[in-house]
Amino acid sequence: SGKSTLLNLIGGLDTPSAGDLIVKQKALQSLSRRELANHRRYTVGMVFQSFNLIPSRTAQENIILALIFGGTPRRNRKKRAGELLDMVGLKDRIKHKPTELSGGEAQRVAIARALANDPEIILADEPTGNLDSSTSVEIVDILVKLNRQEGKTVIMVTHDEEIAGKVSDRLIRLKDGMVV
């Protein structure tokens, strides 16, 4: 129905074939490659169903890579990564690699990585799709907190209407590429 495509468009990963896509008063299709990279670094944080963590890197190192790309000074990176992991309840898993983490822990690392450069918008593509129900609740709670307490806009796509109802102030249904 185009849910993931919509997130990829908002995230600046894909280009619309027609029309305008405006995020924060900027038409994304008219941005240069550098401006799009900055959009992905600072405006949006992306959380994927498959986590997309680098397997050879620790939880801390996965977050530090995002901080490097975001221009965080070297002296602040470990501290910031630690703060983010603490925020998602993983301070004690800082040195673990993705293969040493449960699915829920890996997803929380992915959320921490998405927050590394303090984006205004979190794009979450089926963030609970590979998780059991109790772990899904934990992930949803984190996203709700980011929205309600941290003021982040969270755009989440999911097939799970129950989860969508818990998270959303506004629910938009897509079917066959159309808003219904």
N, C-alpha and C. Protein backbone atom coordinates (compact mmCIF):
# COMPACT_ATOMS: atom_id res chain seq x y z
N SER A 1 0.82 -1.21 0.00
CA SER A 1 0.00 0.00 0.00
C SER A 1 0.85 1.26 0.00
N GLY A 2 2.15 1.13 0.13
CA GLY A 2 3.01 2.30 0.03
C GLY A 2 3.48 2.89 1.35
N LYS A 3 3.28 2.16 2.45
CA LYS A 3 3.64 2.70 3.77
C LYS A 3 5.15 2.93 3.89
N SER A 4 5.93 1.91 3.57
CA SER A 4 7.38 2.05 3.66
C SER A 4 7.89 3.07 2.64
N THR A 5 7.30 3.07 1.48
CA THR A 5 7.67 4.06 0.47
C THR A 5 7.43 5.47 0.98
N LEU A 6 6.32 5.68 1.64
CA LEU A 6 6.02 7.00 2.21
C LEU A 6 7.11 7.41 3.20
N LEU A 7 7.51 6.50 4.09
CA LEU A 7 8.58 6.83 5.04
C LEU A 7 9.90 7.11 4.31
N ASN A 8 10.20 6.32 3.29
CA ASN A 8 11.43 6.55 2.52
C ASN A 8 11.40 7.90 1.83
N LEU A 9 10.24 8.33 1.39
CA LEU A 9 10.11 9.65 0.77
C LEU A 9 10.33 10.76 1.81
N ILE A 10 9.68 10.64 2.96
CA ILE A 10 9.83 11.65 4.02
C ILE A 10 11.27 11.67 4.50
N GLY A 11 11.90 10.52 4.54
CA GLY A 11 13.28 10.42 4.99
C GLY A 11 14.30 10.86 3.95
N GLY A 12 13.85 11.15 2.75
CA GLY A 12 14.78 11.58 1.71
C GLY A 12 15.58 10.44 1.11
N LEU A 13 15.12 9.21 1.30
CA LEU A 13 15.80 8.06 0.71
C LEU A 13 15.31 7.80 -0.71
N ASP A 14 14.07 8.14 -0.98
CA ASP A 14 13.48 7.99 -2.31
C ASP A 14 13.02 9.36 -2.81
N THR A 15 12.83 9.47 -4.10
CA THR A 15 12.37 10.71 -4.73
C THR A 15 10.98 10.47 -5.32
N PRO A 16 10.04 11.38 -5.09
CA PRO A 16 8.71 11.19 -5.67
C PRO A 16 8.77 11.26 -7.20
N SER A 17 7.94 10.44 -7.84
CA SER A 17 7.89 10.46 -9.31
C SER A 17 7.07 11.65 -9.81
N ALA A 18 6.23 12.20 -8.95
CA ALA A 18 5.44 13.39 -9.32
C ALA A 18 5.04 14.11 -8.04
N GLY A 19 4.72 15.37 -8.17
CA GLY A 19 4.25 16.15 -7.04
C GLY A 19 5.37 16.67 -6.17
N ASP A 20 4.98 17.29 -5.08
CA ASP A 20 5.92 17.90 -4.15
C ASP A 20 5.82 17.22 -2.80
N LEU A 21 6.95 17.03 -2.17
CA LEU A 21 7.00 16.50 -0.81
C LEU A 21 7.70 17.56 0.03
N ILE A 22 6.95 18.16 0.94
CA ILE A 22 7.47 19.27 1.72
C ILE A 22 7.57 18.85 3.19
N VAL A 23 8.77 18.97 3.73
CA VAL A 23 9.03 18.68 5.14
C VAL A 23 9.72 19.90 5.72
N LYS A 24 9.14 20.45 6.76
CA LYS A 24 9.69 21.65 7.41
C LYS A 24 9.91 22.78 6.38
N GLN A 25 8.89 23.04 5.60
CA GLN A 25 8.89 24.10 4.60
C GLN A 25 9.94 23.93 3.51
N LYS A 26 10.46 22.70 3.33
CA LYS A 26 11.44 22.44 2.28
C LYS A 26 10.91 21.36 1.35
N ALA A 27 10.94 21.65 0.05
CA ALA A 27 10.57 20.65 -0.95
C ALA A 27 11.75 19.70 -1.11
N LEU A 28 11.58 18.47 -0.63
CA LEU A 28 12.71 17.54 -0.60
C LEU A 28 13.27 17.24 -1.99
N GLN A 29 12.40 17.17 -3.00
CA GLN A 29 12.88 16.81 -4.33
C GLN A 29 13.76 17.90 -4.94
N SER A 30 13.75 19.10 -4.38
CA SER A 30 14.60 20.17 -4.92
C SER A 30 15.90 20.35 -4.13
N LEU A 31 16.11 19.53 -3.09
CA LEU A 31 17.32 19.65 -2.30
C LEU A 31 18.50 18.99 -3.00
N SER A 32 19.67 19.54 -2.78
CA SER A 32 20.89 18.93 -3.31
C SER A 32 21.20 17.66 -2.51
N ARG A 33 22.14 16.88 -2.99
CA ARG A 33 22.53 15.65 -2.27
C ARG A 33 23.02 15.98 -0.86
N ARG A 34 23.77 17.05 -0.74
CA ARG A 34 24.28 17.47 0.56
C ARG A 34 23.14 17.89 1.49
N GLU A 35 22.19 18.64 0.96
CA GLU A 35 21.04 19.08 1.77
C GLU A 35 20.19 17.87 2.19
N LEU A 36 20.02 16.90 1.30
CA LEU A 36 19.29 15.68 1.66
C LEU A 36 20.02 14.89 2.75
N ALA A 37 21.34 14.83 2.65
CA ALA A 37 22.12 14.16 3.69
C ALA A 37 21.93 14.86 5.03
N ASN A 38 21.92 16.17 5.02
CA ASN A 38 21.68 16.92 6.26
C ASN A 38 20.26 16.70 6.78
N HIS A 39 19.31 16.59 5.89
CA HIS A 39 17.92 16.28 6.27
C HIS A 39 17.89 14.94 7.01
N ARG A 40 18.58 13.94 6.47
CA ARG A 40 18.62 12.62 7.10
C ARG A 40 19.40 12.63 8.41
N ARG A 41 20.39 13.48 8.51
CA ARG A 41 21.19 13.55 9.74
C ARG A 41 20.46 14.25 10.88
N TYR A 42 19.79 15.36 10.57
CA TYR A 42 19.30 16.23 11.64
C TYR A 42 17.78 16.37 11.74
N THR A 43 17.06 16.16 10.67
CA THR A 43 15.61 16.35 10.71
C THR A 43 14.88 15.06 11.04
N VAL A 44 15.31 13.97 10.44
CA VAL A 44 14.63 12.69 10.65
C VAL A 44 15.58 11.66 11.26
N GLY A 45 15.03 10.83 12.13
CA GLY A 45 15.72 9.67 12.65
C GLY A 45 14.92 8.46 12.21
N MET A 46 15.60 7.46 11.67
CA MET A 46 14.89 6.32 11.10
C MET A 46 15.07 5.06 11.93
N VAL A 47 13.94 4.39 12.18
CA VAL A 47 13.92 3.12 12.90
C VAL A 47 13.30 2.10 11.96
N PHE A 48 14.06 1.05 11.63
CA PHE A 48 13.62 0.06 10.66
C PHE A 48 13.19 -1.23 11.36
N GLN A 49 12.33 -1.98 10.70
CA GLN A 49 11.86 -3.26 11.23
C GLN A 49 13.03 -4.21 11.45
N SER A 50 14.00 -4.19 10.55
CA SER A 50 15.13 -5.12 10.62
C SER A 50 16.33 -4.53 11.38
N PHE A 51 16.13 -3.44 12.07
CA PHE A 51 17.11 -2.78 12.94
C PHE A 51 18.22 -2.07 12.18
N ASN A 52 18.81 -2.74 11.16
CA ASN A 52 19.91 -2.18 10.37
C ASN A 52 21.11 -1.76 11.21
N LEU A 53 21.40 -2.54 12.24
CA LEU A 53 22.60 -2.30 13.03
C LEU A 53 23.79 -2.97 12.36
N ILE A 54 24.98 -2.42 12.55
CA ILE A 54 26.18 -3.01 11.98
C ILE A 54 26.62 -4.15 12.90
N PRO A 55 26.60 -5.40 12.41
CA PRO A 55 26.83 -6.56 13.27
C PRO A 55 28.19 -6.59 13.95
N SER A 56 29.22 -6.02 13.33
CA SER A 56 30.57 -6.08 13.89
C SER A 56 30.82 -4.98 14.93
N ARG A 57 29.84 -4.12 15.15
CA ARG A 57 29.98 -2.99 16.08
C ARG A 57 29.12 -3.20 17.32
N THR A 58 29.57 -2.66 18.43
CA THR A 58 28.79 -2.75 19.67
C THR A 58 27.61 -1.78 19.60
N ALA A 59 26.73 -1.90 20.57
CA ALA A 59 25.60 -0.97 20.66
C ALA A 59 26.12 0.47 20.69
N GLN A 60 27.10 0.70 21.53
CA GLN A 60 27.68 2.04 21.65
C GLN A 60 28.27 2.50 20.32
N GLU A 61 29.01 1.63 19.66
CA GLU A 61 29.66 2.00 18.39
C GLU A 61 28.64 2.26 17.28
N ASN A 62 27.52 1.53 17.26
CA ASN A 62 26.48 1.80 16.28
C ASN A 62 25.94 3.22 16.44
N ILE A 63 25.80 3.66 17.67
CA ILE A 63 25.31 5.01 17.93
C ILE A 63 26.40 6.04 17.63
N ILE A 64 27.62 5.72 18.01
CA ILE A 64 28.73 6.65 17.75
C ILE A 64 28.89 6.93 16.26
N LEU A 65 28.66 5.93 15.41
CA LEU A 65 28.75 6.17 13.97
C LEU A 65 27.76 7.25 13.53
N ALA A 66 26.55 7.21 14.05
CA ALA A 66 25.57 8.25 13.72
C ALA A 66 26.04 9.61 14.24
N LEU A 67 26.66 9.61 15.40
CA LEU A 67 27.17 10.87 15.97
C LEU A 67 28.33 11.42 15.15
N ILE A 68 29.18 10.53 14.63
CA ILE A 68 30.27 10.97 13.76
C ILE A 68 29.70 11.67 12.53
N PHE A 69 28.73 11.00 11.87
CA PHE A 69 28.13 11.59 10.67
C PHE A 69 27.41 12.89 10.99
N GLY A 70 26.92 13.01 12.21
CA GLY A 70 26.23 14.24 12.62
C GLY A 70 27.16 15.35 13.07
N GLY A 71 28.47 15.07 13.13
CA GLY A 71 29.43 16.11 13.47
C GLY A 71 29.64 16.32 14.96
N THR A 72 29.20 15.38 15.78
CA THR A 72 29.43 15.49 17.22
C THR A 72 30.92 15.40 17.51
N PRO A 73 31.46 16.32 18.29
CA PRO A 73 32.89 16.25 18.61
C PRO A 73 33.26 14.92 19.28
N ARG A 74 34.44 14.41 18.98
CA ARG A 74 34.91 13.12 19.48
C ARG A 74 34.78 13.03 21.00
N ARG A 75 35.10 14.09 21.71
CA ARG A 75 35.10 14.06 23.18
C ARG A 75 33.70 13.86 23.77
N ASN A 76 32.65 14.12 22.97
CA ASN A 76 31.27 14.00 23.47
C ASN A 76 30.55 12.73 23.04
N ARG A 77 31.14 11.97 22.13
CA ARG A 77 30.42 10.85 21.51
C ARG A 77 30.08 9.72 22.48
N LYS A 78 31.05 9.25 23.24
CA LYS A 78 30.80 8.13 24.15
C LYS A 78 29.77 8.51 25.21
N LYS A 79 29.89 9.71 25.72
CA LYS A 79 28.94 10.17 26.73
C LYS A 79 27.53 10.23 26.16
N ARG A 80 27.38 10.81 24.97
CA ARG A 80 26.06 10.92 24.34
C ARG A 80 25.50 9.53 24.04
N ALA A 81 26.32 8.63 23.50
CA ALA A 81 25.86 7.26 23.22
C ALA A 81 25.40 6.59 24.50
N GLY A 82 26.14 6.76 25.58
CA GLY A 82 25.76 6.19 26.87
C GLY A 82 24.44 6.76 27.38
N GLU A 83 24.26 8.06 27.23
CA GLU A 83 23.00 8.69 27.65
C GLU A 83 21.81 8.14 26.87
N LEU A 84 22.01 7.96 25.57
CA LEU A 84 20.92 7.44 24.73
C LEU A 84 20.60 5.99 25.08
N LEU A 85 21.62 5.19 25.29
CA LEU A 85 21.39 3.80 25.68
C LEU A 85 20.72 3.72 27.05
N ASP A 86 21.10 4.60 27.94
CA ASP A 86 20.45 4.65 29.25
C ASP A 86 18.98 5.04 29.10
N MET A 87 18.70 5.98 28.22
CA MET A 87 17.33 6.44 28.00
C MET A 87 16.41 5.30 27.53
N VAL A 88 16.96 4.38 26.74
CA VAL A 88 16.16 3.25 26.25
C VAL A 88 16.35 2.00 27.11
N GLY A 89 16.98 2.17 28.27
CA GLY A 89 17.11 1.07 29.23
C GLY A 89 18.19 0.06 28.92
N LEU A 90 19.24 0.48 28.22
CA LEU A 90 20.29 -0.48 27.82
C LEU A 90 21.69 -0.07 28.25
N LYS A 91 21.81 0.71 29.28
CA LYS A 91 23.13 1.15 29.74
C LYS A 91 24.06 -0.05 30.00
N ASP A 92 23.48 -1.14 30.49
CA ASP A 92 24.29 -2.33 30.81
C ASP A 92 24.62 -3.18 29.58
N ARG A 93 24.12 -2.82 28.40
CA ARG A 93 24.39 -3.61 27.18
C ARG A 93 25.27 -2.82 26.20
N ILE A 94 25.93 -1.80 26.68
CA ILE A 94 26.68 -0.85 25.85
C ILE A 94 27.76 -1.52 25.00
N LYS A 95 28.38 -2.57 25.50
CA LYS A 95 29.49 -3.24 24.80
C LYS A 95 29.05 -4.49 24.04
N HIS A 96 27.75 -4.74 24.00
CA HIS A 96 27.24 -5.93 23.31
C HIS A 96 27.04 -5.65 21.82
N LYS A 97 27.35 -6.65 21.02
CA LYS A 97 27.11 -6.57 19.57
C LYS A 97 25.67 -7.00 19.29
N PRO A 98 25.13 -6.62 18.13
CA PRO A 98 23.74 -6.96 17.82
C PRO A 98 23.40 -8.44 17.97
N THR A 99 24.33 -9.33 17.66
CA THR A 99 24.05 -10.77 17.78
C THR A 99 23.94 -11.21 19.24
N GLU A 100 24.39 -10.37 20.15
CA GLU A 100 24.33 -10.68 21.58
C GLU A 100 23.12 -10.03 22.25
N LEU A 101 22.28 -9.40 21.46
CA LEU A 101 21.10 -8.70 21.98
C LEU A 101 19.83 -9.42 21.55
N SER A 102 18.80 -9.32 22.36
CA SER A 102 17.49 -9.83 21.93
C SER A 102 16.94 -8.89 20.86
N GLY A 103 15.86 -9.30 20.21
CA GLY A 103 15.23 -8.44 19.19
C GLY A 103 14.79 -7.11 19.77
N GLY A 104 14.21 -7.15 20.95
CA GLY A 104 13.76 -5.91 21.59
C GLY A 104 14.92 -5.00 21.95
N GLU A 105 16.02 -5.59 22.43
CA GLU A 105 17.19 -4.79 22.75
C GLU A 105 17.79 -4.17 21.49
N ALA A 106 17.87 -4.96 20.42
CA ALA A 106 18.40 -4.43 19.16
C ALA A 106 17.53 -3.28 18.66
N GLN A 107 16.21 -3.41 18.80
CA GLN A 107 15.33 -2.33 18.35
C GLN A 107 15.52 -1.09 19.21
N ARG A 108 15.76 -1.27 20.50
CA ARG A 108 16.01 -0.11 21.36
C ARG A 108 17.34 0.57 21.01
N VAL A 109 18.35 -0.21 20.62
CA VAL A 109 19.59 0.39 20.13
C VAL A 109 19.30 1.18 18.86
N ALA A 110 18.48 0.63 17.98
CA ALA A 110 18.13 1.32 16.74
C ALA A 110 17.40 2.64 17.03
N ILE A 111 16.54 2.63 18.05
CA ILE A 111 15.85 3.87 18.43
C ILE A 111 16.87 4.87 18.98
N ALA A 112 17.78 4.41 19.83
CA ALA A 112 18.81 5.30 20.38
C ALA A 112 19.65 5.89 19.25
N ARG A 113 20.00 5.06 18.26
CA ARG A 113 20.77 5.55 17.12
C ARG A 113 19.98 6.60 16.34
N ALA A 114 18.68 6.36 16.17
CA ALA A 114 17.84 7.32 15.45
C ALA A 114 17.78 8.67 16.16
N LEU A 115 17.96 8.66 17.47
CA LEU A 115 17.89 9.89 18.27
C LEU A 115 19.25 10.58 18.41
N ALA A 116 20.30 9.97 17.89
CA ALA A 116 21.67 10.45 18.13
C ALA A 116 21.83 11.94 17.86
N ASN A 117 21.30 12.42 16.77
CA ASN A 117 21.50 13.81 16.38
C ASN A 117 20.27 14.68 16.65
N ASP A 118 19.44 14.23 17.60
CA ASP A 118 18.29 14.97 18.09
C ASP A 118 17.34 15.43 16.98
N PRO A 119 16.86 14.49 16.16
CA PRO A 119 15.95 14.88 15.08
C PRO A 119 14.58 15.27 15.63
N GLU A 120 13.87 16.06 14.85
CA GLU A 120 12.52 16.46 15.24
C GLU A 120 11.50 15.38 14.90
N ILE A 121 11.82 14.56 13.90
CA ILE A 121 10.88 13.57 13.38
C ILE A 121 11.51 12.18 13.48
N ILE A 122 10.75 11.24 14.05
CA ILE A 122 11.18 9.84 14.09
C ILE A 122 10.30 9.08 13.10
N LEU A 123 10.93 8.40 12.16
CA LEU A 123 10.23 7.57 11.18
C LEU A 123 10.43 6.12 11.61
N ALA A 124 9.36 5.45 11.92
CA ALA A 124 9.44 4.07 12.43
C ALA A 124 8.68 3.15 11.47
N ASP A 125 9.41 2.29 10.80
CA ASP A 125 8.84 1.38 9.81
C ASP A 125 8.64 0.00 10.44
N GLU A 126 7.41 -0.32 10.81
CA GLU A 126 7.08 -1.59 11.46
C GLU A 126 8.05 -1.89 12.61
N PRO A 127 8.21 -0.97 13.55
CA PRO A 127 9.24 -1.15 14.59
C PRO A 127 8.97 -2.32 15.53
N THR A 128 7.76 -2.85 15.53
CA THR A 128 7.43 -3.99 16.39
C THR A 128 7.18 -5.26 15.59
N GLY A 129 7.40 -5.19 14.28
CA GLY A 129 7.05 -6.29 13.39
C GLY A 129 7.76 -7.60 13.67
N ASN A 130 9.00 -7.56 14.18
CA ASN A 130 9.76 -8.78 14.44
C ASN A 130 9.84 -9.11 15.92
N LEU A 131 8.95 -8.53 16.72
CA LEU A 131 9.06 -8.65 18.17
C LEU A 131 7.86 -9.35 18.77
N ASP A 132 8.06 -9.97 19.95
CA ASP A 132 6.93 -10.56 20.66
C ASP A 132 6.07 -9.45 21.26
N SER A 133 4.89 -9.82 21.74
CA SER A 133 3.92 -8.81 22.17
C SER A 133 4.40 -7.98 23.36
N SER A 134 5.06 -8.60 24.34
CA SER A 134 5.49 -7.81 25.51
C SER A 134 6.63 -6.86 25.13
N THR A 135 7.53 -7.30 24.26
CA THR A 135 8.61 -6.43 23.80
C THR A 135 8.04 -5.32 22.92
N SER A 136 7.01 -5.63 22.14
CA SER A 136 6.36 -4.61 21.32
C SER A 136 5.81 -3.48 22.18
N VAL A 137 5.23 -3.85 23.32
CA VAL A 137 4.70 -2.85 24.23
C VAL A 137 5.81 -1.92 24.73
N GLU A 138 6.99 -2.48 25.04
CA GLU A 138 8.13 -1.67 25.48
C GLU A 138 8.55 -0.67 24.41
N ILE A 139 8.61 -1.13 23.16
CA ILE A 139 9.02 -0.26 22.06
C ILE A 139 7.98 0.84 21.85
N VAL A 140 6.71 0.48 21.89
CA VAL A 140 5.64 1.46 21.74
C VAL A 140 5.71 2.49 22.87
N ASP A 141 5.96 2.04 24.09
CA ASP A 141 6.08 2.97 25.22
C ASP A 141 7.20 3.98 24.99
N ILE A 142 8.32 3.53 24.45
CA ILE A 142 9.43 4.44 24.15
C ILE A 142 9.00 5.47 23.11
N LEU A 143 8.34 5.03 22.06
CA LEU A 143 7.90 5.95 21.01
C LEU A 143 6.88 6.96 21.54
N VAL A 144 5.97 6.49 22.38
CA VAL A 144 4.97 7.39 22.98
C VAL A 144 5.68 8.43 23.85
N LYS A 145 6.65 7.99 24.64
CA LYS A 145 7.40 8.91 25.50
C LYS A 145 8.14 9.95 24.66
N LEU A 146 8.75 9.51 23.57
CA LEU A 146 9.45 10.45 22.70
C LEU A 146 8.51 11.52 22.16
N ASN A 147 7.31 11.12 21.85
CA ASN A 147 6.32 12.06 21.35
C ASN A 147 5.80 12.98 22.46
N ARG A 148 5.33 12.40 23.51
CA ARG A 148 4.61 13.18 24.53
C ARG A 148 5.52 13.93 25.49
N GLN A 149 6.68 13.37 25.80
CA GLN A 149 7.57 14.02 26.76
C GLN A 149 8.72 14.77 26.10
N GLU A 150 9.18 14.28 24.95
CA GLU A 150 10.32 14.90 24.28
C GLU A 150 9.89 15.80 23.12
N GLY A 151 8.60 15.75 22.76
CA GLY A 151 8.09 16.61 21.70
C GLY A 151 8.46 16.18 20.29
N LYS A 152 8.89 14.93 20.12
CA LYS A 152 9.24 14.43 18.79
C LYS A 152 7.98 14.06 18.02
N THR A 153 7.98 14.35 16.75
CA THR A 153 6.93 13.85 15.88
C THR A 153 7.32 12.42 15.52
N VAL A 154 6.42 11.48 15.76
CA VAL A 154 6.67 10.08 15.43
C VAL A 154 5.71 9.68 14.33
N ILE A 155 6.27 9.27 13.21
CA ILE A 155 5.48 8.74 12.11
C ILE A 155 5.81 7.26 12.03
N MET A 156 4.83 6.45 12.36
CA MET A 156 5.04 5.01 12.40
C MET A 156 4.09 4.33 11.43
N VAL A 157 4.62 3.40 10.66
CA VAL A 157 3.76 2.57 9.83
C VAL A 157 3.71 1.18 10.45
N THR A 158 2.51 0.62 10.43
CA THR A 158 2.31 -0.71 11.01
C THR A 158 1.05 -1.33 10.43
N HIS A 159 1.02 -2.65 10.46
CA HIS A 159 -0.19 -3.38 10.12
C HIS A 159 -1.05 -3.61 11.36
N ASP A 160 -0.48 -3.37 12.53
CA ASP A 160 -1.12 -3.66 13.79
C ASP A 160 -1.95 -2.46 14.26
N GLU A 161 -3.26 -2.52 14.03
CA GLU A 161 -4.13 -1.40 14.37
C GLU A 161 -4.21 -1.16 15.88
N GLU A 162 -4.06 -2.22 16.67
CA GLU A 162 -4.09 -2.05 18.13
C GLU A 162 -2.92 -1.18 18.58
N ILE A 163 -1.73 -1.49 18.09
CA ILE A 163 -0.55 -0.69 18.43
C ILE A 163 -0.70 0.72 17.89
N ALA A 164 -1.17 0.85 16.67
CA ALA A 164 -1.35 2.17 16.07
C ALA A 164 -2.28 3.03 16.92
N GLY A 165 -3.34 2.44 17.42
CA GLY A 165 -4.29 3.17 18.25
C GLY A 165 -3.70 3.64 19.56
N LYS A 166 -2.76 2.86 20.12
CA LYS A 166 -2.12 3.24 21.39
C LYS A 166 -1.14 4.38 21.20
N VAL A 167 -0.50 4.44 20.06
CA VAL A 167 0.56 5.39 19.81
C VAL A 167 0.03 6.71 19.24
N SER A 168 -1.04 6.65 18.48
CA SER A 168 -1.40 7.75 17.60
C SER A 168 -2.34 8.78 18.19
N ASP A 169 -2.05 10.02 17.85
CA ASP A 169 -3.01 11.09 18.02
C ASP A 169 -3.83 11.19 16.72
N ARG A 170 -3.23 10.71 15.65
CA ARG A 170 -3.88 10.75 14.34
C ARG A 170 -3.53 9.47 13.60
N LEU A 171 -4.54 8.81 13.08
CA LEU A 171 -4.36 7.55 12.38
C LEU A 171 -4.77 7.74 10.93
N ILE A 172 -3.89 7.40 10.01
CA ILE A 172 -4.16 7.52 8.59
C ILE A 172 -4.04 6.12 7.99
N ARG A 173 -5.06 5.69 7.30
CA ARG A 173 -5.04 4.36 6.67
C ARG A 173 -4.73 4.50 5.19
N LEU A 174 -3.82 3.63 4.73
CA LEU A 174 -3.48 3.55 3.32
C LEU A 174 -3.94 2.22 2.76
N LYS A 175 -4.44 2.23 1.56
CA LYS A 175 -4.82 1.00 0.88
C LYS A 175 -4.52 1.19 -0.59
N ASP A 176 -3.75 0.27 -1.14
CA ASP A 176 -3.39 0.31 -2.56
C ASP A 176 -2.81 1.67 -2.96
N GLY A 177 -1.97 2.24 -2.07
CA GLY A 177 -1.30 3.50 -2.38
C GLY A 177 -2.15 4.73 -2.19
N MET A 178 -3.32 4.58 -1.64
CA MET A 178 -4.22 5.72 -1.48
C MET A 178 -4.61 5.90 -0.03
N VAL A 179 -4.82 7.14 0.39
CA VAL A 179 -5.35 7.41 1.72
C VAL A 179 -6.83 7.09 1.68
N VAL A 180 -7.27 6.25 2.65
CA VAL A 180 -8.70 5.88 2.67
C VAL A 180 -9.37 6.43 3.94
